[in-house]
Amino acid sequence: MSKILACLSGGVESTYGVYRLLTETIHDVTLFHLYFRNHPRYEGETEACEHITNWLEENTRGFKWISADLSYSGVEEITPPPNSADIFYLFSTMSNIIIDKKDFDEAHFFINNEEWEDAVVKKIPTFDYPKLVQIYDIALSRFPEIKTKWLINRDVAKLKKREIYKRIPKELRQHIYSNDKEYNK
């Protein structure tokens, strides 16, 4: 059994990814959400995460929950790829948790097939990939006892966003908060 730190944003991909981890594996799962307390986009995501984790607690199995909040000062809006400051904060905060806890086998991040194709196949710096993976590897190289692998969950990345959405239980879907407004109920 592996110990997994899984990012939960409250969106389509991460909701499905953590749902699958909790229903299809026996891994020890810790969910993680990073909230930027002074940006309106994250207000919806954080509220969604609260509802999603409540639903998962009632309808799946036990897991741990870590939430971190930051002030995202000095900017008017979250920056999109390839200069994603919010994604950098996410990975650096995850790295800090991994360094602090020293017991995760894997850290999971969830993207859809279109994002996978851009970031990994076409090498477009979506989510600053692979730059963030390199920064993560450099940070953890300072701690040779830490062997945590950073993974884009490939099972989720094989699917298009619409397919992912349809696979989420209807009762759970109602709690999603996505940047693509068509998925918000």
C-alpha atoms as a PDB file:
ATOM      1  CA  MET A   1       0.000   0.000   0.000  1.00  0.00           C
ATOM      2  CA  SER A   2       1.394   3.378  -1.050  1.00  0.00           C
ATOM      3  CA  LYS A   3       0.986   6.706   0.726  1.00  0.00           C
ATOM      4  CA  ILE A   4      -0.288   9.250  -1.784  1.00  0.00           C
ATOM      5  CA  LEU A   5      -0.593  13.033  -1.585  1.00  0.00           C
ATOM      6  CA  ALA A   6      -3.265  14.022  -4.143  1.00  0.00           C
ATOM      7  CA  CYS A   7      -4.078  17.567  -5.242  1.00  0.00           C
ATOM      8  CA  LEU A   8      -7.738  18.525  -5.075  1.00  0.00           C
ATOM      9  CA  SER A   9      -8.680  21.795  -6.752  1.00  0.00           C
ATOM     10  CA  GLY A  10     -12.431  21.263  -6.737  1.00  0.00           C
ATOM     11  CA  GLY A  11     -12.464  20.976 -10.538  1.00  0.00           C
ATOM     12  CA  VAL A  12     -13.406  18.141 -12.868  1.00  0.00           C
ATOM     13  CA  GLU A  13     -10.080  16.328 -13.193  1.00  0.00           C
ATOM     14  CA  SER A  14      -8.995  16.379  -9.561  1.00  0.00           C
ATOM     15  CA  THR A  15     -12.464  15.450  -8.294  1.00  0.00           C
ATOM     16  CA  TYR A  16     -12.522  12.402 -10.554  1.00  0.00           C
ATOM     17  CA  GLY A  17      -8.903  11.549  -9.771  1.00  0.00           C
ATOM     18  CA  VAL A  18      -9.346  11.544  -6.011  1.00  0.00           C
ATOM     19  CA  TYR A  19     -12.691   9.744  -6.319  1.00  0.00           C
ATOM     20  CA  ARG A  20     -10.927   6.955  -8.239  1.00  0.00           C
ATOM     21  CA  LEU A  21      -8.081   6.795  -5.712  1.00  0.00           C
ATOM     22  CA  LEU A  22     -10.599   6.376  -2.912  1.00  0.00           C
ATOM     23  CA  THR A  23     -12.865   3.873  -4.661  1.00  0.00           C
ATOM     24  CA  GLU A  24     -10.456   1.814  -6.773  1.00  0.00           C
ATOM     25  CA  THR A  25      -7.333   1.551  -4.605  1.00  0.00           C
ATOM     26  CA  ILE A  26      -6.370   0.662  -1.059  1.00  0.00           C
ATOM     27  CA  HIS A  27      -3.684   3.355  -0.909  1.00  0.00           C
ATOM     28  CA  ASP A  28      -3.382   5.638   2.099  1.00  0.00           C
ATOM     29  CA  VAL A  29      -4.598   8.901   0.531  1.00  0.00           C
ATOM     30  CA  THR A  30      -4.091  12.444   1.754  1.00  0.00           C
ATOM     31  CA  LEU A  31      -5.934  15.141  -0.198  1.00  0.00           C
ATOM     32  CA  PHE A  32      -4.352  18.562  -0.536  1.00  0.00           C
ATOM     33  CA  HIS A  33      -5.857  21.923  -1.506  1.00  0.00           C
ATOM     34  CA  LEU A  34      -4.078  25.257  -1.812  1.00  0.00           C
ATOM     35  CA  TYR A  35      -6.292  28.295  -1.276  1.00  0.00           C
ATOM     36  CA  PHE A  36      -5.266  31.819  -2.274  1.00  0.00           C
ATOM     37  CA  ARG A  37      -7.395  33.750   0.205  1.00  0.00           C
ATOM     38  CA  ASN A  38      -7.409  37.051  -1.670  1.00  0.00           C
ATOM     39  CA  HIS A  39      -8.373  35.846  -5.135  1.00  0.00           C
ATOM     40  CA  PRO A  40     -12.045  35.321  -6.087  1.00  0.00           C
ATOM     41  CA  ARG A  41     -11.349  32.276  -8.296  1.00  0.00           C
ATOM     42  CA  TYR A  42     -10.129  30.354  -5.281  1.00  0.00           C
ATOM     43  CA  GLU A  43     -13.151  31.210  -3.157  1.00  0.00           C
ATOM     44  CA  GLY A  44     -15.261  28.949  -5.380  1.00  0.00           C
ATOM     45  CA  GLU A  45     -12.602  26.240  -5.502  1.00  0.00           C
ATOM     46  CA  THR A  46     -12.190  26.137  -1.739  1.00  0.00           C
ATOM     47  CA  GLU A  47     -15.933  25.969  -1.116  1.00  0.00           C
ATOM     48  CA  ALA A  48     -16.176  23.195  -3.722  1.00  0.00           C
ATOM     49  CA  CYS A  49     -13.360  21.275  -1.991  1.00  0.00           C
ATOM     50  CA  GLU A  50     -15.206  21.450   1.316  1.00  0.00           C
ATOM     51  CA  HIS A  51     -18.364  19.999  -0.257  1.00  0.00           C
ATOM     52  CA  ILE A  52     -16.400  17.395  -2.245  1.00  0.00           C
ATOM     53  CA  THR A  53     -14.460  16.167   0.791  1.00  0.00           C
ATOM     54  CA  ASN A  54     -17.679  15.981   2.816  1.00  0.00           C
ATOM     55  CA  TRP A  55     -19.291  13.910   0.050  1.00  0.00           C
ATOM     56  CA  LEU A  56     -16.220  11.667  -0.238  1.00  0.00           C
ATOM     57  CA  GLU A  57     -16.158  11.111   3.544  1.00  0.00           C
ATOM     58  CA  GLU A  58     -19.808   9.991   3.475  1.00  0.00           C
ATOM     59  CA  ASN A  59     -19.630   7.915   0.284  1.00  0.00           C
ATOM     60  CA  THR A  60     -16.147   6.408  -0.059  1.00  0.00           C
ATOM     61  CA  ARG A  61     -13.590   5.551   2.624  1.00  0.00           C
ATOM     62  CA  GLY A  62     -11.257   7.269   5.034  1.00  0.00           C
ATOM     63  CA  PHE A  63      -8.597   9.736   3.934  1.00  0.00           C
ATOM     64  CA  LYS A  64      -6.614  12.612   5.379  1.00  0.00           C
ATOM     65  CA  TRP A  65      -7.011  16.245   4.384  1.00  0.00           C
ATOM     66  CA  ILE A  66      -4.451  19.065   4.235  1.00  0.00           C
ATOM     67  CA  SER A  67      -5.353  22.605   3.245  1.00  0.00           C
ATOM     68  CA  ALA A  68      -2.957  25.507   3.023  1.00  0.00           C
ATOM     69  CA  ASP A  69      -3.875  29.103   2.441  1.00  0.00           C
ATOM     70  CA  LEU A  70      -1.699  31.861   1.088  1.00  0.00           C
ATOM     71  CA  SER A  71      -2.033  35.527   0.312  1.00  0.00           C
ATOM     72  CA  TYR A  72      -1.439  36.033  -3.370  1.00  0.00           C
ATOM     73  CA  SER A  73      -0.382  39.659  -3.104  1.00  0.00           C
ATOM     74  CA  GLY A  74       0.846  42.138  -5.662  1.00  0.00           C
ATOM     75  CA  VAL A  75      -1.166  40.900  -8.626  1.00  0.00           C
ATOM     76  CA  GLU A  76      -4.645  41.473  -9.939  1.00  0.00           C
ATOM     77  CA  GLU A  77      -5.195  38.008 -11.375  1.00  0.00           C
ATOM     78  CA  ILE A  78      -3.764  34.537 -11.361  1.00  0.00           C
ATOM     79  CA  THR A  79      -1.301  34.145 -14.200  1.00  0.00           C
ATOM     80  CA  PRO A  80      -2.018  31.535 -16.879  1.00  0.00           C
ATOM     81  CA  PRO A  81       0.551  29.101 -18.305  1.00  0.00           C
ATOM     82  CA  PRO A  82       3.345  29.260 -19.247  1.00  0.00           C
ATOM     83  CA  ASN A  83       3.999  31.676 -16.355  1.00  0.00           C
ATOM     84  CA  SER A  84       1.656  30.142 -13.803  1.00  0.00           C
ATOM     85  CA  ALA A  85       2.550  31.576 -10.443  1.00  0.00           C
ATOM     86  CA  ASP A  86      -0.364  29.752  -8.793  1.00  0.00           C
ATOM     87  CA  ILE A  87       0.859  26.410 -10.139  1.00  0.00           C
ATOM     88  CA  PHE A  88       4.362  27.194  -8.880  1.00  0.00           C
ATOM     89  CA  TYR A  89       2.928  27.957  -5.426  1.00  0.00           C
ATOM     90  CA  LEU A  90       1.031  24.669  -5.549  1.00  0.00           C
ATOM     91  CA  PHE A  91       4.112  22.601  -6.346  1.00  0.00           C
ATOM     92  CA  SER A  92       6.375  24.416  -3.914  1.00  0.00           C
ATOM     93  CA  THR A  93       3.796  24.009  -1.123  1.00  0.00           C
ATOM     94  CA  MET A  94       3.380  20.324  -1.997  1.00  0.00           C
ATOM     95  CA  SER A  95       7.160  19.953  -1.888  1.00  0.00           C
ATOM     96  CA  ASN A  96       7.224  21.534   1.567  1.00  0.00           C
ATOM     97  CA  ILE A  97       4.557  19.107   2.802  1.00  0.00           C
ATOM     98  CA  ILE A  98       6.482  16.172   1.351  1.00  0.00           C
ATOM     99  CA  ILE A  99       9.731  17.385   2.945  1.00  0.00           C
ATOM    100  CA  ASP A 100       7.991  17.956   6.272  1.00  0.00           C
ATOM    101  CA  LYS A 101       6.123  14.630   6.401  1.00  0.00           C
ATOM    102  CA  LYS A 102       8.844  12.524   4.716  1.00  0.00           C
ATOM    103  CA  ASP A 103       6.508   9.581   4.204  1.00  0.00           C
ATOM    104  CA  PHE A 104       4.641   9.984   0.896  1.00  0.00           C
ATOM    105  CA  ASP A 105       5.466   7.529  -1.874  1.00  0.00           C
ATOM    106  CA  GLU A 106       3.762   9.552  -4.603  1.00  0.00           C
ATOM    107  CA  ALA A 107       2.298  12.993  -5.225  1.00  0.00           C
ATOM    108  CA  HIS A 108      -0.558  13.001  -7.763  1.00  0.00           C
ATOM    109  CA  PHE A 109      -1.671  15.859  -9.961  1.00  0.00           C
ATOM    110  CA  PHE A 110      -4.614  15.532 -12.354  1.00  0.00           C
ATOM    111  CA  ILE A 111      -4.957  16.936 -15.875  1.00  0.00           C
ATOM    112  CA  ASN A 112      -7.132  15.979 -18.849  1.00  0.00           C
ATOM    113  CA  ASN A 113      -6.018  14.570 -22.201  1.00  0.00           C
ATOM    114  CA  GLU A 114      -5.821  17.947 -23.954  1.00  0.00           C
ATOM    115  CA  GLU A 115      -3.578  19.294 -21.184  1.00  0.00           C
ATOM    116  CA  TRP A 116      -1.470  16.091 -21.261  1.00  0.00           C
ATOM    117  CA  GLU A 117      -0.994  16.387 -25.020  1.00  0.00           C
ATOM    118  CA  ASP A 118       0.103  20.019 -24.737  1.00  0.00           C
ATOM    119  CA  ALA A 119       2.357  19.625 -21.700  1.00  0.00           C
ATOM    120  CA  VAL A 120       3.930  16.217 -22.204  1.00  0.00           C
ATOM    121  CA  VAL A 121       3.614  15.272 -25.864  1.00  0.00           C
ATOM    122  CA  LYS A 122       3.965  18.675 -27.564  1.00  0.00           C
ATOM    123  CA  LYS A 123       6.208  20.021 -24.777  1.00  0.00           C
ATOM    124  CA  ILE A 124       4.189  23.246 -24.576  1.00  0.00           C
ATOM    125  CA  PRO A 125       4.855  24.629 -21.089  1.00  0.00           C
ATOM    126  CA  THR A 126       1.310  24.040 -19.859  1.00  0.00           C
ATOM    127  CA  PHE A 127       1.391  23.933 -16.070  1.00  0.00           C
ATOM    128  CA  ASP A 128       5.067  24.863 -16.569  1.00  0.00           C
ATOM    129  CA  TYR A 129       5.774  21.211 -17.309  1.00  0.00           C
ATOM    130  CA  PRO A 130       8.515  19.938 -17.293  1.00  0.00           C
ATOM    131  CA  LYS A 131      10.109  22.941 -15.568  1.00  0.00           C
ATOM    132  CA  LEU A 132       8.165  22.403 -12.351  1.00  0.00           C
ATOM    133  CA  VAL A 133       9.070  18.729 -12.279  1.00  0.00           C
ATOM    134  CA  GLN A 134      12.733  19.719 -12.542  1.00  0.00           C
ATOM    135  CA  ILE A 135      12.343  22.279  -9.732  1.00  0.00           C
ATOM    136  CA  TYR A 136      10.556  19.650  -7.619  1.00  0.00           C
ATOM    137  CA  ASP A 137      13.346  17.133  -8.269  1.00  0.00           C
ATOM    138  CA  ILE A 138      16.010  19.715  -7.386  1.00  0.00           C
ATOM    139  CA  ALA A 139      14.230  20.679  -4.159  1.00  0.00           C
ATOM    140  CA  LEU A 140      13.862  17.083  -3.034  1.00  0.00           C
ATOM    141  CA  SER A 141      17.416  16.169  -4.041  1.00  0.00           C
ATOM    142  CA  ARG A 142      18.487  18.098  -0.935  1.00  0.00           C
ATOM    143  CA  PHE A 143      16.730  15.402   1.082  1.00  0.00           C
ATOM    144  CA  PRO A 144      18.048  12.062  -0.197  1.00  0.00           C
ATOM    145  CA  GLU A 145      15.922  10.113   2.285  1.00  0.00           C
ATOM    146  CA  ILE A 146      12.770  11.378   0.537  1.00  0.00           C
ATOM    147  CA  LYS A 147      11.824   9.174  -2.405  1.00  0.00           C
ATOM    148  CA  THR A 148       8.426  10.682  -3.274  1.00  0.00           C
ATOM    149  CA  LYS A 149       7.605  10.477  -6.985  1.00  0.00           C
ATOM    150  CA  TRP A 150       5.677  13.323  -8.571  1.00  0.00           C
ATOM    151  CA  LEU A 151       3.090  12.021 -11.044  1.00  0.00           C
ATOM    152  CA  ILE A 152       0.537  13.358 -13.440  1.00  0.00           C
ATOM    153  CA  ASN A 153      -2.121  10.685 -13.012  1.00  0.00           C
ATOM    154  CA  ARG A 154      -2.018   9.032 -16.429  1.00  0.00           C
ATOM    155  CA  ASP A 155      -5.387   7.249 -16.038  1.00  0.00           C
ATOM    156  CA  VAL A 156      -7.117  10.629 -15.830  1.00  0.00           C
ATOM    157  CA  ALA A 157      -4.844  12.185 -18.483  1.00  0.00           C
ATOM    158  CA  LYS A 158      -5.995   9.579 -21.032  1.00  0.00           C
ATOM    159  CA  LEU A 159      -9.494  11.075 -21.000  1.00  0.00           C
ATOM    160  CA  LYS A 160     -11.028  14.241 -22.443  1.00  0.00           C
ATOM    161  CA  LYS A 161     -12.624  16.605 -19.945  1.00  0.00           C
ATOM    162  CA  ARG A 162     -16.188  15.754 -21.047  1.00  0.00           C
ATOM    163  CA  GLU A 163     -15.471  12.010 -20.565  1.00  0.00           C
ATOM    164  CA  ILE A 164     -14.019  12.649 -17.119  1.00  0.00           C
ATOM    165  CA  TYR A 165     -17.064  14.679 -16.105  1.00  0.00           C
ATOM    166  CA  LYS A 166     -19.482  11.926 -17.176  1.00  0.00           C
ATOM    167  CA  ARG A 167     -17.624   9.355 -15.040  1.00  0.00           C
ATOM    168  CA  ILE A 168     -18.068  11.353 -11.823  1.00  0.00           C
ATOM    169  CA  PRO A 169     -21.142  10.292  -9.810  1.00  0.00           C
ATOM    170  CA  LYS A 170     -23.983  12.724 -10.427  1.00  0.00           C
ATOM    171  CA  GLU A 171     -24.298  13.568  -6.713  1.00  0.00           C
ATOM    172  CA  LEU A 172     -20.604  14.451  -6.586  1.00  0.00           C
ATOM    173  CA  ARG A 173     -20.685  16.463  -9.839  1.00  0.00           C
ATOM    174  CA  GLN A 174     -22.958  19.061  -8.289  1.00  0.00           C
ATOM    175  CA  HIS A 175     -20.090  20.231  -6.050  1.00  0.00           C
ATOM    176  CA  ILE A 176     -17.522  20.865  -8.802  1.00  0.00           C
ATOM    177  CA  TYR A 177     -16.159  24.346  -9.386  1.00  0.00           C
ATOM    178  CA  SER A 178     -14.407  24.504 -12.757  1.00  0.00           C
ATOM    179  CA  ASN A 179     -12.697  27.251 -14.743  1.00  0.00           C
ATOM    180  CA  ASP A 180     -14.857  25.920 -17.594  1.00  0.00           C
ATOM    181  CA  LYS A 181     -18.198  27.269 -16.382  1.00  0.00           C
ATOM    182  CA  GLU A 182     -20.207  24.646 -18.342  1.00  0.00           C
ATOM    183  CA  TYR A 183     -19.202  22.089 -15.688  1.00  0.00           C
ATOM    184  CA  ASN A 184     -20.500  24.129 -12.750  1.00  0.00           C
ATOM    185  CA  LYS A 185     -23.985  23.126 -11.586  1.00  0.00           C
END
